[in-house]
């Protein structure tokens, strides 16, 4: 019976260590964000040009972004690229 109890305890410890190591990969995962310099002159950029009836506004600049379903936000400069496979939320106040 001693050998059986020892094996059960050892397997529980190994399982516990495995779960801790598996979970630590998710806990320590970081989101990589790559900010780029923003363009300022938009008059000749893109498919549509400015005209008397069309005003182009730049959406570049400071945005608040959340990578945890909107629970907390950080400020980033748009345009940007990020390495994240979940839901992201961006918000900006336009004036």
C-alpha atoms as a PDB file:
ATOM      1  CA  UNK A   1       0.000   0.000   0.000  1.00  0.00           C
ATOM      2  CA  UNK A   2       2.909   2.373   0.599  1.00  0.00           C
ATOM      3  CA  UNK A   3       4.003   2.162  -3.014  1.00  0.00           C
ATOM      4  CA  UNK A   4       0.462   2.826  -4.227  1.00  0.00           C
ATOM      5  CA  UNK A   5       0.062   5.872  -1.953  1.00  0.00           C
ATOM      6  CA  UNK A   6       3.435   7.184  -3.038  1.00  0.00           C
ATOM      7  CA  UNK A   7       2.514   6.835  -6.726  1.00  0.00           C
ATOM      8  CA  UNK A   8      -0.809   8.616  -6.197  1.00  0.00           C
ATOM      9  CA  UNK A   9       0.889  11.488  -4.360  1.00  0.00           C
ATOM     10  CA  UNK A  10       3.608  11.706  -7.011  1.00  0.00           C
ATOM     11  CA  UNK A  11       1.083  11.761  -9.844  1.00  0.00           C
ATOM     12  CA  UNK A  12      -0.910  14.498  -8.082  1.00  0.00           C
ATOM     13  CA  UNK A  13       2.229  16.603  -7.694  1.00  0.00           C
ATOM     14  CA  UNK A  14       3.201  16.075 -11.336  1.00  0.00           C
ATOM     15  CA  UNK A  15      -0.314  16.988 -12.478  1.00  0.00           C
ATOM     16  CA  UNK A  16      -0.288  20.098 -10.310  1.00  0.00           C
ATOM     17  CA  UNK A  17       3.097  21.198 -11.675  1.00  0.00           C
ATOM     18  CA  UNK A  18       1.920  20.580 -15.230  1.00  0.00           C
ATOM     19  CA  UNK A  19      -1.195  22.705 -14.693  1.00  0.00           C
ATOM     20  CA  UNK A  20       0.848  25.517 -13.153  1.00  0.00           C
ATOM     21  CA  UNK A  21       3.262  25.516 -16.089  1.00  0.00           C
ATOM     22  CA  UNK A  22       0.437  25.371 -18.615  1.00  0.00           C
ATOM     23  CA  UNK A  23      -1.414  28.227 -16.964  1.00  0.00           C
ATOM     24  CA  UNK A  24       1.703  30.391 -16.608  1.00  0.00           C
ATOM     25  CA  UNK A  25       1.975  30.642 -20.389  1.00  0.00           C
ATOM     26  CA  UNK A  26      -1.439  32.301 -20.472  1.00  0.00           C
ATOM     27  CA  UNK A  27      -0.795  34.507 -17.455  1.00  0.00           C
ATOM     28  CA  UNK A  28       2.503  35.894 -18.720  1.00  0.00           C
ATOM     29  CA  UNK A  29       1.386  36.398 -22.334  1.00  0.00           C
ATOM     30  CA  UNK A  30       1.908  39.959 -23.502  1.00  0.00           C
ATOM     31  CA  UNK A  31       0.190  41.863 -26.265  1.00  0.00           C
ATOM     32  CA  UNK A  32       2.681  43.328 -28.721  1.00  0.00           C
ATOM     33  CA  UNK A  33       1.725  46.742 -30.096  1.00  0.00           C
ATOM     34  CA  UNK A  34       3.697  48.393 -32.908  1.00  0.00           C
ATOM     35  CA  UNK A  35       2.980  52.108 -33.295  1.00  0.00           C
ATOM     36  CA  UNK A  36       3.788  53.864 -36.570  1.00  0.00           C
ATOM     37  CA  UNK A  37       4.289  57.537 -37.349  1.00  0.00           C
ATOM     38  CA  UNK A  38       1.020  59.162 -38.413  1.00  0.00           C
ATOM     39  CA  UNK A  39       0.480  60.981 -41.697  1.00  0.00           C
ATOM     40  CA  UNK A  40      -0.654  64.577 -41.358  1.00  0.00           C
ATOM     41  CA  UNK A  41      -1.483  65.682 -44.922  1.00  0.00           C
ATOM     42  CA  UNK A  42      -4.513  63.726 -46.114  1.00  0.00           C
ATOM     43  CA  UNK A  43      -5.540  65.898 -49.039  1.00  0.00           C
ATOM     44  CA  UNK A  44      -3.977  63.624 -51.672  1.00  0.00           C
ATOM     45  CA  UNK A  45      -3.969  60.271 -49.845  1.00  0.00           C
ATOM     46  CA  UNK A  46      -6.470  57.547 -50.569  1.00  0.00           C
ATOM     47  CA  UNK A  47      -9.110  56.799 -53.149  1.00  0.00           C
ATOM     48  CA  UNK A  48     -11.250  59.904 -52.592  1.00  0.00           C
ATOM     49  CA  UNK A  49      -9.887  63.440 -52.685  1.00  0.00           C
ATOM     50  CA  UNK A  50     -11.129  66.446 -50.742  1.00  0.00           C
ATOM     51  CA  UNK A  51     -13.685  68.555 -52.551  1.00  0.00           C
ATOM     52  CA  UNK A  52     -16.282  71.249 -51.806  1.00  0.00           C
ATOM     53  CA  UNK A  53     -18.695  68.558 -50.616  1.00  0.00           C
ATOM     54  CA  UNK A  54     -16.230  66.114 -49.063  1.00  0.00           C
ATOM     55  CA  UNK A  55     -14.057  66.857 -46.063  1.00  0.00           C
ATOM     56  CA  UNK A  56     -11.452  64.300 -45.106  1.00  0.00           C
ATOM     57  CA  UNK A  57     -10.633  64.051 -41.436  1.00  0.00           C
ATOM     58  CA  UNK A  58      -7.674  62.231 -40.008  1.00  0.00           C
ATOM     59  CA  UNK A  59      -8.391  59.406 -37.583  1.00  0.00           C
ATOM     60  CA  UNK A  60      -4.682  59.185 -36.788  1.00  0.00           C
ATOM     61  CA  UNK A  61      -3.535  60.205 -33.348  1.00  0.00           C
ATOM     62  CA  UNK A  62      -4.251  59.226 -29.766  1.00  0.00           C
ATOM     63  CA  UNK A  63      -6.820  56.457 -29.236  1.00  0.00           C
ATOM     64  CA  UNK A  64      -7.762  54.470 -26.173  1.00  0.00           C
ATOM     65  CA  UNK A  65      -7.512  50.721 -26.730  1.00  0.00           C
ATOM     66  CA  UNK A  66      -8.668  47.804 -24.621  1.00  0.00           C
ATOM     67  CA  UNK A  67      -7.605  44.201 -25.085  1.00  0.00           C
ATOM     68  CA  UNK A  68      -9.722  42.858 -22.204  1.00  0.00           C
ATOM     69  CA  UNK A  69     -13.333  43.470 -23.266  1.00  0.00           C
ATOM     70  CA  UNK A  70     -13.253  47.152 -22.234  1.00  0.00           C
ATOM     71  CA  UNK A  71     -12.348  46.590 -18.584  1.00  0.00           C
ATOM     72  CA  UNK A  72      -9.289  48.853 -18.823  1.00  0.00           C
ATOM     73  CA  UNK A  73      -7.862  51.105 -21.522  1.00  0.00           C
ATOM     74  CA  UNK A  74      -4.400  52.280 -22.556  1.00  0.00           C
ATOM     75  CA  UNK A  75      -3.544  55.154 -24.873  1.00  0.00           C
ATOM     76  CA  UNK A  76      -1.893  54.348 -28.213  1.00  0.00           C
ATOM     77  CA  UNK A  77      -1.008  56.303 -31.313  1.00  0.00           C
ATOM     78  CA  UNK A  78      -2.912  55.208 -34.430  1.00  0.00           C
ATOM     79  CA  UNK A  79      -1.975  53.911 -36.987  1.00  0.00           C
ATOM     80  CA  UNK A  80      -0.712  50.831 -35.240  1.00  0.00           C
ATOM     81  CA  UNK A  81      -0.479  47.087 -35.602  1.00  0.00           C
ATOM     82  CA  UNK A  82      -0.868  44.584 -32.786  1.00  0.00           C
ATOM     83  CA  UNK A  83      -0.365  40.895 -32.172  1.00  0.00           C
ATOM     84  CA  UNK A  84      -3.521  39.794 -30.334  1.00  0.00           C
ATOM     85  CA  UNK A  85      -6.118  37.215 -31.297  1.00  0.00           C
ATOM     86  CA  UNK A  86      -8.985  38.240 -28.997  1.00  0.00           C
ATOM     87  CA  UNK A  87     -11.500  41.071 -29.072  1.00  0.00           C
ATOM     88  CA  UNK A  88     -10.078  44.588 -29.034  1.00  0.00           C
ATOM     89  CA  UNK A  89     -11.999  47.805 -28.395  1.00  0.00           C
ATOM     90  CA  UNK A  90     -10.848  51.227 -29.620  1.00  0.00           C
ATOM     91  CA  UNK A  91     -12.423  54.529 -28.656  1.00  0.00           C
ATOM     92  CA  UNK A  92     -11.765  58.171 -29.462  1.00  0.00           C
ATOM     93  CA  UNK A  93     -13.649  61.400 -28.900  1.00  0.00           C
ATOM     94  CA  UNK A  94     -14.029  63.337 -32.158  1.00  0.00           C
ATOM     95  CA  UNK A  95     -14.320  67.107 -32.013  1.00  0.00           C
END
